[in-house]
Amino acid sequence: MPIGEVTITLDDVAALLLFLVVGAFHSFEQLNVDDVVDLLMELLEVSAGDARAETIRCNGSYVRLSWLRDMYELKIEACAWIIAA
């Protein structure tokens, strides 16, 4: 969209597909930065330094979508299909 990143919400899905949404939403447990760095190293095969730098830039256990897209493109260029998937 020309205004930036937008996501579809559960309310949007319910309105479009006429699903009744009831019950409690799942609440995710906050990961600590060390666990996130370990996951990034294992699943995306990035270096500890790159993973740590990204979490520092995001002030916590987060990564930017643009960074994730860049990692995806690097893995595609390297023909690392399983990692990209």
PDB file of N, CA and C in Angstrom:
ATOM      1  N   MET A   1       0.843  -1.172   0.000  1.00  0.00           N
ATOM      2  CA  MET A   1       0.000   0.000   0.000  1.00  0.00           C
ATOM      3  C   MET A   1       0.895   1.245   0.000  1.00  0.00           C
ATOM      4  N   PRO A   2       0.423   2.323  -0.566  1.00  0.00           N
ATOM      5  CA  PRO A   2       1.256   3.524  -0.634  1.00  0.00           C
ATOM      6  C   PRO A   2       1.487   4.206   0.712  1.00  0.00           C
ATOM      7  N   ILE A   3       0.764   3.825   1.750  1.00  0.00           N
ATOM      8  CA  ILE A   3       0.910   4.496   3.042  1.00  0.00           C
ATOM      9  C   ILE A   3       1.844   3.757   3.990  1.00  0.00           C
ATOM     10  N   GLY A   4       2.388   2.615   3.594  1.00  0.00           N
ATOM     11  CA  GLY A   4       3.293   1.877   4.468  1.00  0.00           C
ATOM     12  C   GLY A   4       2.803   0.470   4.713  1.00  0.00           C
ATOM     13  N   GLU A   5       3.375  -0.161   5.719  1.00  0.00           N
ATOM     14  CA  GLU A   5       3.021  -1.540   6.025  1.00  0.00           C
ATOM     15  C   GLU A   5       1.682  -1.602   6.748  1.00  0.00           C
ATOM     16  N   VAL A   6       0.843  -2.510   6.301  1.00  0.00           N
ATOM     17  CA  VAL A   6      -0.473  -2.709   6.902  1.00  0.00           C
ATOM     18  C   VAL A   6      -0.668  -4.209   7.062  1.00  0.00           C
ATOM     19  N   THR A   7      -1.331  -4.613   8.102  1.00  0.00           N
ATOM     20  CA  THR A   7      -1.579  -6.030   8.308  1.00  0.00           C
ATOM     21  C   THR A   7      -3.069  -6.289   8.442  1.00  0.00           C
ATOM     22  N   ILE A   8      -3.479  -7.485   8.109  1.00  0.00           N
ATOM     23  CA  ILE A   8      -4.869  -7.897   8.255  1.00  0.00           C
ATOM     24  C   ILE A   8      -5.060  -8.375   9.685  1.00  0.00           C
ATOM     25  N   THR A   9      -6.086  -7.893  10.323  1.00  0.00           N
ATOM     26  CA  THR A   9      -6.355  -8.283  11.707  1.00  0.00           C
ATOM     27  C   THR A   9      -7.371  -9.415  11.747  1.00  0.00           C
ATOM     28  N   LEU A  10      -7.495 -10.031  12.894  1.00  0.00           N
ATOM     29  CA  LEU A  10      -8.489 -11.080  13.078  1.00  0.00           C
ATOM     30  C   LEU A  10      -9.897 -10.528  12.887  1.00  0.00           C
ATOM     31  N   ASP A  11     -10.104  -9.293  13.279  1.00  0.00           N
ATOM     32  CA  ASP A  11     -11.400  -8.650  13.081  1.00  0.00           C
ATOM     33  C   ASP A  11     -11.712  -8.501  11.587  1.00  0.00           C
ATOM     34  N   ASP A  12     -10.702  -8.183  10.786  1.00  0.00           N
ATOM     35  CA  ASP A  12     -10.884  -8.092   9.333  1.00  0.00           C
ATOM     36  C   ASP A  12     -11.298  -9.438   8.756  1.00  0.00           C
ATOM     37  N   VAL A  13     -10.627 -10.492   9.180  1.00  0.00           N
ATOM     38  CA  VAL A  13     -10.956 -11.834   8.695  1.00  0.00           C
ATOM     39  C   VAL A  13     -12.385 -12.196   9.071  1.00  0.00           C
ATOM     40  N   ALA A  14     -12.762 -11.899  10.312  1.00  0.00           N
ATOM     41  CA  ALA A  14     -14.118 -12.212  10.765  1.00  0.00           C
ATOM     42  C   ALA A  14     -15.153 -11.470   9.933  1.00  0.00           C
ATOM     43  N   ALA A  15     -14.895 -10.198   9.612  1.00  0.00           N
ATOM     44  CA  ALA A  15     -15.840  -9.402   8.836  1.00  0.00           C
ATOM     45  C   ALA A  15     -15.916  -9.873   7.390  1.00  0.00           C
ATOM     46  N   LEU A  16     -14.777 -10.211   6.797  1.00  0.00           N
ATOM     47  CA  LEU A  16     -14.755 -10.608   5.388  1.00  0.00           C
ATOM     48  C   LEU A  16     -15.298 -12.015   5.161  1.00  0.00           C
ATOM     49  N   LEU A  17     -14.982 -12.934   6.048  1.00  0.00           N
ATOM     50  CA  LEU A  17     -15.375 -14.330   5.867  1.00  0.00           C
ATOM     51  C   LEU A  17     -16.590 -14.734   6.693  1.00  0.00           C
ATOM     52  N   LEU A  18     -17.119 -13.791   7.449  1.00  0.00           N
ATOM     53  CA  LEU A  18     -18.293 -14.009   8.295  1.00  0.00           C
ATOM     54  C   LEU A  18     -18.071 -15.132   9.311  1.00  0.00           C
ATOM     55  N   PHE A  19     -16.842 -15.188   9.847  1.00  0.00           N
ATOM     56  CA  PHE A  19     -16.526 -16.125  10.918  1.00  0.00           C
ATOM     57  C   PHE A  19     -16.839 -15.483  12.246  1.00  0.00           C
ATOM     58  N   LEU A  20     -17.333 -16.278  13.154  1.00  0.00           N
ATOM     59  CA  LEU A  20     -17.548 -15.808  14.511  1.00  0.00           C
ATOM     60  C   LEU A  20     -16.254 -16.034  15.296  1.00  0.00           C
ATOM     61  N   VAL A  21     -15.711 -14.968  15.823  1.00  0.00           N
ATOM     62  CA  VAL A  21     -14.462 -15.059  16.582  1.00  0.00           C
ATOM     63  C   VAL A  21     -14.811 -14.938  18.054  1.00  0.00           C
ATOM     64  N   VAL A  22     -14.600 -16.027  18.788  1.00  0.00           N
ATOM     65  CA  VAL A  22     -14.897 -16.036  20.222  1.00  0.00           C
ATOM     66  C   VAL A  22     -13.725 -16.670  20.960  1.00  0.00           C
ATOM     67  N   GLY A  23     -13.667 -16.422  22.230  1.00  0.00           N
ATOM     68  CA  GLY A  23     -12.628 -17.033  23.039  1.00  0.00           C
ATOM     69  C   GLY A  23     -11.468 -16.087  23.293  1.00  0.00           C
ATOM     70  N   ALA A  24     -10.518 -16.583  24.025  1.00  0.00           N
ATOM     71  CA  ALA A  24      -9.358 -15.783  24.402  1.00  0.00           C
ATOM     72  C   ALA A  24      -8.302 -15.862  23.312  1.00  0.00           C
ATOM     73  N   PHE A  25      -7.637 -14.752  23.086  1.00  0.00           N
ATOM     74  CA  PHE A  25      -6.520 -14.729  22.151  1.00  0.00           C
ATOM     75  C   PHE A  25      -5.310 -15.369  22.813  1.00  0.00           C
ATOM     76  N   HIS A  26      -4.430 -15.863  22.014  1.00  0.00           N
ATOM     77  CA  HIS A  26      -3.190 -16.424  22.540  1.00  0.00           C
ATOM     78  C   HIS A  26      -2.250 -15.280  22.912  1.00  0.00           C
ATOM     79  N   SER A  27      -1.655 -15.376  24.048  1.00  0.00           N
ATOM     80  CA  SER A  27      -0.671 -14.361  24.434  1.00  0.00           C
ATOM     81  C   SER A  27       0.708 -15.012  24.403  1.00  0.00           C
ATOM     82  N   PHE A  28       1.618 -14.381  23.707  1.00  0.00           N
ATOM     83  CA  PHE A  28       2.949 -14.928  23.547  1.00  0.00           C
ATOM     84  C   PHE A  28       3.844 -14.494  24.696  1.00  0.00           C
ATOM     85  N   GLU A  29       4.689 -15.395  25.093  1.00  0.00           N
ATOM     86  CA  GLU A  29       5.647 -15.107  26.148  1.00  0.00           C
ATOM     87  C   GLU A  29       6.817 -14.321  25.547  1.00  0.00           C
ATOM     88  N   GLN A  30       7.199 -13.250  26.205  1.00  0.00           N
ATOM     89  CA  GLN A  30       8.302 -12.418  25.740  1.00  0.00           C
ATOM     90  C   GLN A  30       9.612 -13.194  25.818  1.00  0.00           C
ATOM     91  N   LEU A  31      10.339 -13.245  24.714  1.00  0.00           N
ATOM     92  CA  LEU A  31      11.643 -13.894  24.695  1.00  0.00           C
ATOM     93  C   LEU A  31      12.707 -12.901  25.135  1.00  0.00           C
ATOM     94  N   ASN A  32      13.757 -13.396  25.756  1.00  0.00           N
ATOM     95  CA  ASN A  32      14.849 -12.494  26.072  1.00  0.00           C
ATOM     96  C   ASN A  32      15.781 -12.406  24.860  1.00  0.00           C
ATOM     97  N   VAL A  33      16.611 -11.413  24.844  1.00  0.00           N
ATOM     98  CA  VAL A  33      17.454 -11.123  23.686  1.00  0.00           C
ATOM     99  C   VAL A  33      18.393 -12.287  23.372  1.00  0.00           C
ATOM    100  N   ASP A  34      18.941 -12.930  24.388  1.00  0.00           N
ATOM    101  CA  ASP A  34      19.855 -14.051  24.149  1.00  0.00           C
ATOM    102  C   ASP A  34      19.160 -15.196  23.425  1.00  0.00           C
ATOM    103  N   ASP A  35      17.912 -15.479  23.798  1.00  0.00           N
ATOM    104  CA  ASP A  35      17.148 -16.533  23.119  1.00  0.00           C
ATOM    105  C   ASP A  35      16.875 -16.158  21.662  1.00  0.00           C
ATOM    106  N   VAL A  36      16.576 -14.883  21.421  1.00  0.00           N
ATOM    107  CA  VAL A  36      16.321 -14.417  20.055  1.00  0.00           C
ATOM    108  C   VAL A  36      17.586 -14.538  19.216  1.00  0.00           C
ATOM    109  N   VAL A  37      18.713 -14.144  19.761  1.00  0.00           N
ATOM    110  CA  VAL A  37      19.991 -14.260  19.042  1.00  0.00           C
ATOM    111  C   VAL A  37      20.263 -15.719  18.709  1.00  0.00           C
ATOM    112  N   ASP A  38      20.045 -16.619  19.666  1.00  0.00           N
ATOM    113  CA  ASP A  38      20.235 -18.049  19.413  1.00  0.00           C
ATOM    114  C   ASP A  38      19.325 -18.558  18.310  1.00  0.00           C
ATOM    115  N   LEU A  39      18.058 -18.139  18.317  1.00  0.00           N
ATOM    116  CA  LEU A  39      17.110 -18.556  17.280  1.00  0.00           C
ATOM    117  C   LEU A  39      17.511 -18.033  15.910  1.00  0.00           C
ATOM    118  N   LEU A  40      17.939 -16.777  15.850  1.00  0.00           N
ATOM    119  CA  LEU A  40      18.369 -16.206  14.572  1.00  0.00           C
ATOM    120  C   LEU A  40      19.595 -16.936  14.036  1.00  0.00           C
ATOM    121  N   MET A  41      20.510 -17.276  14.920  1.00  0.00           N
ATOM    122  CA  MET A  41      21.710 -17.998  14.502  1.00  0.00           C
ATOM    123  C   MET A  41      21.355 -19.394  13.995  1.00  0.00           C
ATOM    124  N   GLU A  42      20.444 -20.069  14.695  1.00  0.00           N
ATOM    125  CA  GLU A  42      20.071 -21.436  14.319  1.00  0.00           C
ATOM    126  C   GLU A  42      19.207 -21.483  13.069  1.00  0.00           C
ATOM    127  N   LEU A  43      18.173 -20.663  13.015  1.00  0.00           N
ATOM    128  CA  LEU A  43      17.192 -20.760  11.937  1.00  0.00           C
ATOM    129  C   LEU A  43      17.577 -19.993  10.678  1.00  0.00           C
ATOM    130  N   LEU A  44      18.221 -18.847  10.836  1.00  0.00           N
ATOM    131  CA  LEU A  44      18.601 -18.046   9.670  1.00  0.00           C
ATOM    132  C   LEU A  44      20.081 -18.155   9.344  1.00  0.00           C
ATOM    133  N   GLU A  45      20.804 -18.842  10.210  1.00  0.00           N
ATOM    134  CA  GLU A  45      22.250 -19.013  10.049  1.00  0.00           C
ATOM    135  C   GLU A  45      22.969 -17.682   9.852  1.00  0.00           C
ATOM    136  N   VAL A  46      22.611 -16.704  10.681  1.00  0.00           N
ATOM    137  CA  VAL A  46      23.333 -15.428  10.690  1.00  0.00           C
ATOM    138  C   VAL A  46      24.354 -15.488  11.816  1.00  0.00           C
ATOM    139  N   SER A  47      25.341 -14.627  11.742  1.00  0.00           N
ATOM    140  CA  SER A  47      26.371 -14.621  12.783  1.00  0.00           C
ATOM    141  C   SER A  47      25.794 -14.040  14.081  1.00  0.00           C
ATOM    142  N   ALA A  48      26.446 -14.379  15.170  1.00  0.00           N
ATOM    143  CA  ALA A  48      26.022 -13.850  16.463  1.00  0.00           C
ATOM    144  C   ALA A  48      26.114 -12.328  16.474  1.00  0.00           C
ATOM    145  N   GLY A  49      27.149 -11.796  15.842  1.00  0.00           N
ATOM    146  CA  GLY A  49      27.323 -10.343  15.793  1.00  0.00           C
ATOM    147  C   GLY A  49      26.207  -9.646  15.027  1.00  0.00           C
ATOM    148  N   ASP A  50      25.809 -10.214  13.878  1.00  0.00           N
ATOM    149  CA  ASP A  50      24.718  -9.623  13.091  1.00  0.00           C
ATOM    150  C   ASP A  50      23.390  -9.694  13.842  1.00  0.00           C
ATOM    151  N   ALA A  51      23.137 -10.845  14.469  1.00  0.00           N
ATOM    152  CA  ALA A  51      21.893 -11.006  15.225  1.00  0.00           C
ATOM    153  C   ALA A  51      21.856 -10.056  16.415  1.00  0.00           C
ATOM    154  N   ARG A  52      22.961  -9.956  17.127  1.00  0.00           N
ATOM    155  CA  ARG A  52      23.029  -9.070  18.296  1.00  0.00           C
ATOM    156  C   ARG A  52      22.885  -7.607  17.865  1.00  0.00           C
ATOM    157  N   ALA A  53      23.526  -7.222  16.753  1.00  0.00           N
ATOM    158  CA  ALA A  53      23.433  -5.840  16.271  1.00  0.00           C
ATOM    159  C   ALA A  53      22.003  -5.475  15.912  1.00  0.00           C
ATOM    160  N   GLU A  54      21.274  -6.415  15.317  1.00  0.00           N
ATOM    161  CA  GLU A  54      19.878  -6.131  14.944  1.00  0.00           C
ATOM    162  C   GLU A  54      19.000  -5.984  16.177  1.00  0.00           C
ATOM    163  N   THR A  55      19.182  -6.848  17.171  1.00  0.00           N
ATOM    164  CA  THR A  55      18.360  -6.727  18.378  1.00  0.00           C
ATOM    165  C   THR A  55      18.694  -5.451  19.146  1.00  0.00           C
ATOM    166  N   ILE A  56      19.963  -5.041  19.118  1.00  0.00           N
ATOM    167  CA  ILE A  56      20.341  -3.770  19.762  1.00  0.00           C
ATOM    168  C   ILE A  56      19.680  -2.608  19.033  1.00  0.00           C
ATOM    169  N   ARG A  57      19.707  -2.655  17.714  1.00  0.00           N
ATOM    170  CA  ARG A  57      19.085  -1.583  16.929  1.00  0.00           C
ATOM    171  C   ARG A  57      17.586  -1.482  17.210  1.00  0.00           C
ATOM    172  N   CYS A  58      16.954  -2.629  17.487  1.00  0.00           N
ATOM    173  CA  CYS A  58      15.510  -2.645  17.743  1.00  0.00           C
ATOM    174  C   CYS A  58      15.170  -2.503  19.228  1.00  0.00           C
ATOM    175  N   ASN A  59      16.181  -2.310  20.061  1.00  0.00           N
ATOM    176  CA  ASN A  59      15.980  -2.111  21.507  1.00  0.00           C
ATOM    177  C   ASN A  59      15.246  -3.262  22.183  1.00  0.00           C
ATOM    178  N   GLY A  60      15.637  -4.465  21.876  1.00  0.00           N
ATOM    179  CA  GLY A  60      15.001  -5.593  22.556  1.00  0.00           C
ATOM    180  C   GLY A  60      15.013  -6.840  21.701  1.00  0.00           C
ATOM    181  N   SER A  61      14.126  -7.732  22.004  1.00  0.00           N
ATOM    182  CA  SER A  61      14.079  -9.032  21.332  1.00  0.00           C
ATOM    183  C   SER A  61      13.226  -8.966  20.068  1.00  0.00           C
ATOM    184  N   TYR A  62      13.580  -8.046  19.175  1.00  0.00           N
ATOM    185  CA  TYR A  62      12.835  -7.827  17.941  1.00  0.00           C
ATOM    186  C   TYR A  62      13.802  -7.714  16.769  1.00  0.00           C
ATOM    187  N   VAL A  63      13.272  -7.904  15.569  1.00  0.00           N
ATOM    188  CA  VAL A  63      14.007  -7.604  14.342  1.00  0.00           C
ATOM    189  C   VAL A  63      13.072  -6.819  13.433  1.00  0.00           C
ATOM    190  N   ARG A  64      13.670  -6.009  12.578  1.00  0.00           N
ATOM    191  CA  ARG A  64      12.865  -5.243  11.621  1.00  0.00           C
ATOM    192  C   ARG A  64      12.480  -6.119  10.444  1.00  0.00           C
ATOM    193  N   LEU A  65      11.314  -5.869   9.864  1.00  0.00           N
ATOM    194  CA  LEU A  65      10.869  -6.599   8.694  1.00  0.00           C
ATOM    195  C   LEU A  65      11.831  -6.372   7.531  1.00  0.00           C
ATOM    196  N   SER A  66      12.359  -5.165   7.398  1.00  0.00           N
ATOM    197  CA  SER A  66      13.310  -4.880   6.320  1.00  0.00           C
ATOM    198  C   SER A  66      14.589  -5.696   6.490  1.00  0.00           C
ATOM    199  N   TRP A  67      15.052  -5.880   7.732  1.00  0.00           N
ATOM    200  CA  TRP A  67      16.239  -6.701   7.985  1.00  0.00           C
ATOM    201  C   TRP A  67      15.954  -8.152   7.624  1.00  0.00           C
ATOM    202  N   LEU A  68      14.774  -8.632   8.010  1.00  0.00           N
ATOM    203  CA  LEU A  68      14.392 -10.001   7.703  1.00  0.00           C
ATOM    204  C   LEU A  68      14.305 -10.214   6.192  1.00  0.00           C
ATOM    205  N   ARG A  69      13.775  -9.231   5.479  1.00  0.00           N
ATOM    206  CA  ARG A  69      13.704  -9.308   4.021  1.00  0.00           C
ATOM    207  C   ARG A  69      15.108  -9.332   3.409  1.00  0.00           C
ATOM    208  N   ASP A  70      16.002  -8.528   3.943  1.00  0.00           N
ATOM    209  CA  ASP A  70      17.383  -8.524   3.461  1.00  0.00           C
ATOM    210  C   ASP A  70      18.051  -9.882   3.682  1.00  0.00           C
ATOM    211  N   MET A  71      17.825 -10.488   4.841  1.00  0.00           N
ATOM    212  CA  MET A  71      18.381 -11.810   5.119  1.00  0.00           C
ATOM    213  C   MET A  71      17.811 -12.842   4.152  1.00  0.00           C
ATOM    214  N   TYR A  72      16.522 -12.739   3.871  1.00  0.00           N
ATOM    215  CA  TYR A  72      15.868 -13.641   2.923  1.00  0.00           C
ATOM    216  C   TYR A  72      16.513 -13.519   1.547  1.00  0.00           C
ATOM    217  N   GLU A  73      16.701 -12.304   1.090  1.00  0.00           N
ATOM    218  CA  GLU A  73      17.295 -12.088  -0.233  1.00  0.00           C
ATOM    219  C   GLU A  73      18.729 -12.608  -0.289  1.00  0.00           C
ATOM    220  N   LEU A  74      19.484 -12.440   0.797  1.00  0.00           N
ATOM    221  CA  LEU A  74      20.843 -12.978   0.840  1.00  0.00           C
ATOM    222  C   LEU A  74      20.843 -14.501   0.760  1.00  0.00           C
ATOM    223  N   LYS A  75      19.906 -15.128   1.446  1.00  0.00           N
ATOM    224  CA  LYS A  75      19.823 -16.587   1.420  1.00  0.00           C
ATOM    225  C   LYS A  75      19.396 -17.082   0.044  1.00  0.00           C
ATOM    226  N   ILE A  76      18.520 -16.365  -0.633  1.00  0.00           N
ATOM    227  CA  ILE A  76      18.110 -16.733  -1.991  1.00  0.00           C
ATOM    228  C   ILE A  76      19.299 -16.622  -2.935  1.00  0.00           C
ATOM    229  N   GLU A  77      20.048 -15.530  -2.835  1.00  0.00           N
ATOM    230  CA  GLU A  77      21.231 -15.352  -3.684  1.00  0.00           C
ATOM    231  C   GLU A  77      22.261 -16.456  -3.462  1.00  0.00           C
ATOM    232  N   ALA A  78      22.351 -16.934  -2.221  1.00  0.00           N
ATOM    233  CA  ALA A  78      23.309 -17.991  -1.887  1.00  0.00           C
ATOM    234  C   ALA A  78      22.743 -19.391  -2.151  1.00  0.00           C
ATOM    235  N   CYS A  79      21.525 -19.456  -2.704  1.00  0.00           N
ATOM    236  CA  CYS A  79      20.841 -20.733  -2.971  1.00  0.00           C
ATOM    237  C   CYS A  79      20.641 -21.561  -1.701  1.00  0.00           C
ATOM    238  N   ALA A  80      20.462 -20.894  -0.583  1.00  0.00           N
ATOM    239  CA  ALA A  80      20.180 -21.564   0.687  1.00  0.00           C
ATOM    240  C   ALA A  80      18.661 -21.680   0.828  1.00  0.00           C
ATOM    241  N   TRP A  81      18.084 -22.577   0.039  1.00  0.00           N
ATOM    242  CA  TRP A  81      16.625 -22.655  -0.093  1.00  0.00           C
ATOM    243  C   TRP A  81      15.928 -23.038   1.203  1.00  0.00           C
ATOM    244  N   ILE A  82      16.484 -23.960   1.951  1.00  0.00           N
ATOM    245  CA  ILE A  82      15.827 -24.394   3.197  1.00  0.00           C
ATOM    246  C   ILE A  82      15.786 -23.261   4.198  1.00  0.00           C
ATOM    247  N   ILE A  83      16.872 -22.523   4.308  1.00  0.00           N
ATOM    248  CA  ILE A  83      16.904 -21.390   5.228  1.00  0.00           C
ATOM    249  C   ILE A  83      15.925 -20.310   4.786  1.00  0.00           C
ATOM    250  N   ALA A  84      15.878 -20.038   3.489  1.00  0.00           N
ATOM    251  CA  ALA A  84      14.964 -19.022   2.968  1.00  0.00           C
ATOM    252  C   ALA A  84      13.517 -19.409   3.203  1.00  0.00           C
ATOM    253  N   ALA A  85      13.236 -20.693   3.089  1.00  0.00           N
ATOM    254  CA  ALA A  85      11.849 -21.156   3.303  1.00  0.00           C
ATOM    255  C   ALA A  85      11.481 -21.034   4.757  1.00  0.00           C
TER     256      ALA A  85
END
